[in-house]
Protein backbone atom coordinates (compact mmCIF):
# COMPACT_ATOMS: atom_id res chain seq x y z
CA UNK A 1 0.00 0.00 0.00
CA UNK A 2 1.10 3.55 -0.71
CA UNK A 3 0.26 6.41 1.65
CA UNK A 4 0.46 10.00 0.47
CA UNK A 5 0.38 12.93 2.87
CA UNK A 6 0.48 16.56 1.92
CA UNK A 7 -0.61 20.05 2.78
CA UNK A 8 -1.39 23.38 1.18
CA UNK A 9 -1.65 26.80 2.80
CA UNK A 10 -4.01 29.33 1.28
CA UNK A 11 -3.22 32.96 0.72
CA UNK A 12 -5.46 35.16 2.90
CA UNK A 13 -8.87 35.50 1.27
CA UNK A 14 -8.46 32.34 -0.84
CA UNK A 15 -9.12 29.55 1.67
CA UNK A 16 -12.72 28.85 0.63
CA UNK A 17 -11.74 28.58 -3.04
CA UNK A 18 -8.80 26.30 -2.19
CA UNK A 19 -10.99 24.11 0.01
CA UNK A 20 -13.68 23.81 -2.68
CA UNK A 21 -11.07 22.78 -5.28
CA UNK A 22 -9.55 20.32 -2.80
CA UNK A 23 -12.91 18.69 -2.02
CA UNK A 24 -13.71 18.37 -5.71
CA UNK A 25 -10.32 16.73 -6.26
CA UNK A 26 -10.81 14.35 -3.32
CA UNK A 27 -14.30 13.28 -4.39
CA UNK A 28 -13.18 12.63 -7.96
CA UNK A 29 -10.02 10.80 -6.89
CA UNK A 30 -11.96 8.38 -4.70
CA UNK A 31 -13.52 6.96 -7.89
CA UNK A 32 -10.18 6.11 -9.49
CA UNK A 33 -9.00 2.49 -9.72
CA UNK A 34 -6.65 1.65 -6.87
CA UNK A 35 -7.78 4.47 -4.57
CA UNK A 36 -8.31 2.99 -1.11
CA UNK A 37 -9.05 6.34 0.55
CA UNK A 38 -8.57 10.03 -0.17
CA UNK A 39 -9.38 12.83 2.27
CA UNK A 40 -8.71 16.47 3.04
CA UNK A 41 -8.82 18.05 6.50
CA UNK A 42 -8.57 21.60 7.83
CA UNK A 43 -5.56 22.07 10.09
CA UNK A 44 -6.99 23.29 13.42
CA UNK A 45 -3.72 24.95 14.41
CA UNK A 46 -3.26 26.73 11.06
CA UNK A 47 -6.71 27.75 9.77
CA UNK A 48 -5.47 28.58 6.26
CA UNK A 49 -3.90 25.12 5.77
CA UNK A 50 -5.47 21.89 4.58
CA UNK A 51 -3.93 18.45 5.01
CA UNK A 52 -4.38 15.55 2.59
CA UNK A 53 -4.28 11.85 3.48
CA UNK A 54 -4.48 9.28 0.71
CA UNK A 55 -4.11 5.50 0.48
CA UNK A 56 -3.43 3.80 -2.84
CA UNK A 57 -3.30 0.09 -3.61
CA UNK A 58 0.13 0.36 -5.28
CA UNK A 59 2.56 2.68 -7.08
CA UNK A 60 0.95 2.00 -10.46
CA UNK A 61 -2.42 3.29 -9.19
CA UNK A 62 -0.76 6.37 -7.73
CA UNK A 63 1.16 7.05 -10.93
CA UNK A 64 -2.06 6.72 -12.95
CA UNK A 65 -3.69 9.22 -10.53
CA UNK A 66 -0.86 11.71 -11.14
CA UNK A 67 -1.43 11.41 -14.90
CA UNK A 68 -5.20 12.04 -14.86
CA UNK A 69 -5.90 15.38 -16.59
CA UNK A 70 -8.09 16.55 -13.69
CA UNK A 71 -5.28 15.84 -11.19
CA UNK A 72 -2.88 17.93 -13.25
CA UNK A 73 -5.49 20.71 -13.49
CA UNK A 74 -5.98 20.60 -9.71
CA UNK A 75 -2.26 21.11 -9.09
CA UNK A 76 -2.23 24.03 -11.54
CA UNK A 77 -5.33 25.60 -9.97
CA UNK A 78 -3.86 25.30 -6.47
CA UNK A 79 -0.73 27.31 -7.31
CA UNK A 80 -2.18 30.84 -7.36
CA UNK A 81 -4.32 30.13 -4.29
CA UNK A 82 -1.44 29.16 -2.00
CA UNK A 83 0.99 31.28 0.00
CA UNK A 84 3.80 28.73 -0.32
CA UNK A 85 4.45 25.60 -2.37
CA UNK A 86 2.26 22.64 -1.31
CA UNK A 87 4.01 19.69 0.31
CA UNK A 88 3.70 16.00 -0.50
CA UNK A 89 5.30 12.86 0.93
CA UNK A 90 4.91 9.34 -0.45
CA UNK A 91 5.32 6.35 1.86
CA UNK A 92 5.35 2.66 0.97
CA UNK A 93 3.76 0.46 3.62
CA UNK A 94 5.17 -3.05 3.83
CA UNK A 95 2.61 -5.83 3.70
CA UNK A 96 2.92 -7.83 6.91
CA UNK A 97 0.21 -10.28 5.96
CA UNK A 98 -1.80 -12.00 8.69
CA UNK A 99 1.00 -11.59 11.25
CA UNK A 100 0.40 -7.82 11.45
CA UNK A 101 -1.51 -7.87 14.73
CA UNK A 102 0.51 -8.15 17.93
CA UNK A 103 0.06 -11.32 19.92
CA UNK A 104 -1.14 -11.24 23.50
CA UNK A 105 1.03 -12.84 25.98
C-alpha atoms as a PDB file:
ATOM      1  CA  UNK A   1       0.000   0.000   0.000  1.00  0.00           C
ATOM      2  CA  UNK A   2       1.103   3.547  -0.712  1.00  0.00           C
ATOM      3  CA  UNK A   3       0.262   6.412   1.654  1.00  0.00           C
ATOM      4  CA  UNK A   4       0.458  10.002   0.468  1.00  0.00           C
ATOM      5  CA  UNK A   5       0.376  12.929   2.874  1.00  0.00           C
ATOM      6  CA  UNK A   6       0.478  16.560   1.922  1.00  0.00           C
ATOM      7  CA  UNK A   7      -0.608  20.052   2.782  1.00  0.00           C
ATOM      8  CA  UNK A   8      -1.392  23.376   1.180  1.00  0.00           C
ATOM      9  CA  UNK A   9      -1.647  26.796   2.799  1.00  0.00           C
ATOM     10  CA  UNK A  10      -4.014  29.335   1.276  1.00  0.00           C
ATOM     11  CA  UNK A  11      -3.222  32.960   0.722  1.00  0.00           C
ATOM     12  CA  UNK A  12      -5.458  35.161   2.903  1.00  0.00           C
ATOM     13  CA  UNK A  13      -8.873  35.496   1.273  1.00  0.00           C
ATOM     14  CA  UNK A  14      -8.464  32.343  -0.842  1.00  0.00           C
ATOM     15  CA  UNK A  15      -9.118  29.550   1.666  1.00  0.00           C
ATOM     16  CA  UNK A  16     -12.720  28.847   0.631  1.00  0.00           C
ATOM     17  CA  UNK A  17     -11.736  28.577  -3.037  1.00  0.00           C
ATOM     18  CA  UNK A  18      -8.797  26.302  -2.193  1.00  0.00           C
ATOM     19  CA  UNK A  19     -10.988  24.107   0.013  1.00  0.00           C
ATOM     20  CA  UNK A  20     -13.676  23.809  -2.680  1.00  0.00           C
ATOM     21  CA  UNK A  21     -11.070  22.783  -5.277  1.00  0.00           C
ATOM     22  CA  UNK A  22      -9.546  20.316  -2.800  1.00  0.00           C
ATOM     23  CA  UNK A  23     -12.911  18.695  -2.016  1.00  0.00           C
ATOM     24  CA  UNK A  24     -13.713  18.368  -5.706  1.00  0.00           C
ATOM     25  CA  UNK A  25     -10.316  16.731  -6.262  1.00  0.00           C
ATOM     26  CA  UNK A  26     -10.808  14.352  -3.322  1.00  0.00           C
ATOM     27  CA  UNK A  27     -14.304  13.279  -4.390  1.00  0.00           C
ATOM     28  CA  UNK A  28     -13.179  12.631  -7.958  1.00  0.00           C
ATOM     29  CA  UNK A  29     -10.016  10.803  -6.886  1.00  0.00           C
ATOM     30  CA  UNK A  30     -11.961   8.382  -4.699  1.00  0.00           C
ATOM     31  CA  UNK A  31     -13.522   6.956  -7.891  1.00  0.00           C
ATOM     32  CA  UNK A  32     -10.179   6.112  -9.491  1.00  0.00           C
ATOM     33  CA  UNK A  33      -8.995   2.493  -9.723  1.00  0.00           C
ATOM     34  CA  UNK A  34      -6.651   1.652  -6.865  1.00  0.00           C
ATOM     35  CA  UNK A  35      -7.778   4.473  -4.574  1.00  0.00           C
ATOM     36  CA  UNK A  36      -8.306   2.995  -1.112  1.00  0.00           C
ATOM     37  CA  UNK A  37      -9.049   6.337   0.550  1.00  0.00           C
ATOM     38  CA  UNK A  38      -8.570  10.030  -0.170  1.00  0.00           C
ATOM     39  CA  UNK A  39      -9.383  12.830   2.274  1.00  0.00           C
ATOM     40  CA  UNK A  40      -8.713  16.473   3.036  1.00  0.00           C
ATOM     41  CA  UNK A  41      -8.822  18.048   6.498  1.00  0.00           C
ATOM     42  CA  UNK A  42      -8.569  21.601   7.826  1.00  0.00           C
ATOM     43  CA  UNK A  43      -5.555  22.075  10.091  1.00  0.00           C
ATOM     44  CA  UNK A  44      -6.992  23.287  13.422  1.00  0.00           C
ATOM     45  CA  UNK A  45      -3.716  24.951  14.411  1.00  0.00           C
ATOM     46  CA  UNK A  46      -3.263  26.734  11.062  1.00  0.00           C
ATOM     47  CA  UNK A  47      -6.710  27.748   9.770  1.00  0.00           C
ATOM     48  CA  UNK A  48      -5.469  28.576   6.257  1.00  0.00           C
ATOM     49  CA  UNK A  49      -3.903  25.122   5.765  1.00  0.00           C
ATOM     50  CA  UNK A  50      -5.471  21.890   4.578  1.00  0.00           C
ATOM     51  CA  UNK A  51      -3.927  18.450   5.005  1.00  0.00           C
ATOM     52  CA  UNK A  52      -4.381  15.553   2.588  1.00  0.00           C
ATOM     53  CA  UNK A  53      -4.278  11.855   3.478  1.00  0.00           C
ATOM     54  CA  UNK A  54      -4.475   9.281   0.707  1.00  0.00           C
ATOM     55  CA  UNK A  55      -4.106   5.501   0.479  1.00  0.00           C
ATOM     56  CA  UNK A  56      -3.432   3.799  -2.844  1.00  0.00           C
ATOM     57  CA  UNK A  57      -3.297   0.085  -3.613  1.00  0.00           C
ATOM     58  CA  UNK A  58       0.132   0.361  -5.279  1.00  0.00           C
ATOM     59  CA  UNK A  59       2.562   2.675  -7.078  1.00  0.00           C
ATOM     60  CA  UNK A  60       0.949   1.998 -10.457  1.00  0.00           C
ATOM     61  CA  UNK A  61      -2.415   3.288  -9.195  1.00  0.00           C
ATOM     62  CA  UNK A  62      -0.760   6.374  -7.729  1.00  0.00           C
ATOM     63  CA  UNK A  63       1.156   7.052 -10.933  1.00  0.00           C
ATOM     64  CA  UNK A  64      -2.064   6.723 -12.950  1.00  0.00           C
ATOM     65  CA  UNK A  65      -3.692   9.224 -10.535  1.00  0.00           C
ATOM     66  CA  UNK A  66      -0.864  11.709 -11.140  1.00  0.00           C
ATOM     67  CA  UNK A  67      -1.429  11.414 -14.898  1.00  0.00           C
ATOM     68  CA  UNK A  68      -5.199  12.043 -14.857  1.00  0.00           C
ATOM     69  CA  UNK A  69      -5.903  15.375 -16.595  1.00  0.00           C
ATOM     70  CA  UNK A  70      -8.086  16.549 -13.685  1.00  0.00           C
ATOM     71  CA  UNK A  71      -5.281  15.843 -11.190  1.00  0.00           C
ATOM     72  CA  UNK A  72      -2.877  17.930 -13.247  1.00  0.00           C
ATOM     73  CA  UNK A  73      -5.485  20.706 -13.493  1.00  0.00           C
ATOM     74  CA  UNK A  74      -5.979  20.602  -9.705  1.00  0.00           C
ATOM     75  CA  UNK A  75      -2.260  21.106  -9.093  1.00  0.00           C
ATOM     76  CA  UNK A  76      -2.234  24.030 -11.541  1.00  0.00           C
ATOM     77  CA  UNK A  77      -5.330  25.597  -9.971  1.00  0.00           C
ATOM     78  CA  UNK A  78      -3.862  25.304  -6.468  1.00  0.00           C
ATOM     79  CA  UNK A  79      -0.730  27.310  -7.309  1.00  0.00           C
ATOM     80  CA  UNK A  80      -2.181  30.842  -7.363  1.00  0.00           C
ATOM     81  CA  UNK A  81      -4.319  30.133  -4.289  1.00  0.00           C
ATOM     82  CA  UNK A  82      -1.437  29.161  -1.995  1.00  0.00           C
ATOM     83  CA  UNK A  83       0.987  31.284  -0.002  1.00  0.00           C
ATOM     84  CA  UNK A  84       3.796  28.732  -0.315  1.00  0.00           C
ATOM     85  CA  UNK A  85       4.451  25.596  -2.372  1.00  0.00           C
ATOM     86  CA  UNK A  86       2.256  22.645  -1.309  1.00  0.00           C
ATOM     87  CA  UNK A  87       4.006  19.695   0.312  1.00  0.00           C
ATOM     88  CA  UNK A  88       3.704  15.997  -0.499  1.00  0.00           C
ATOM     89  CA  UNK A  89       5.299  12.856   0.932  1.00  0.00           C
ATOM     90  CA  UNK A  90       4.910   9.343  -0.452  1.00  0.00           C
ATOM     91  CA  UNK A  91       5.316   6.347   1.858  1.00  0.00           C
ATOM     92  CA  UNK A  92       5.351   2.658   0.975  1.00  0.00           C
ATOM     93  CA  UNK A  93       3.765   0.457   3.624  1.00  0.00           C
ATOM     94  CA  UNK A  94       5.165  -3.051   3.830  1.00  0.00           C
ATOM     95  CA  UNK A  95       2.610  -5.831   3.702  1.00  0.00           C
ATOM     96  CA  UNK A  96       2.916  -7.832   6.910  1.00  0.00           C
ATOM     97  CA  UNK A  97       0.213 -10.284   5.963  1.00  0.00           C
ATOM     98  CA  UNK A  98      -1.801 -12.004   8.685  1.00  0.00           C
ATOM     99  CA  UNK A  99       1.000 -11.586  11.249  1.00  0.00           C
ATOM    100  CA  UNK A 100       0.404  -7.822  11.453  1.00  0.00           C
ATOM    101  CA  UNK A 101      -1.510  -7.869  14.734  1.00  0.00           C
ATOM    102  CA  UNK A 102       0.510  -8.155  17.927  1.00  0.00           C
ATOM    103  CA  UNK A 103       0.058 -11.321  19.921  1.00  0.00           C
ATOM    104  CA  UNK A 104      -1.140 -11.244  23.500  1.00  0.00           C
ATOM    105  CA  UNK A 105       1.034 -12.836  25.977  1.00  0.00           C
END
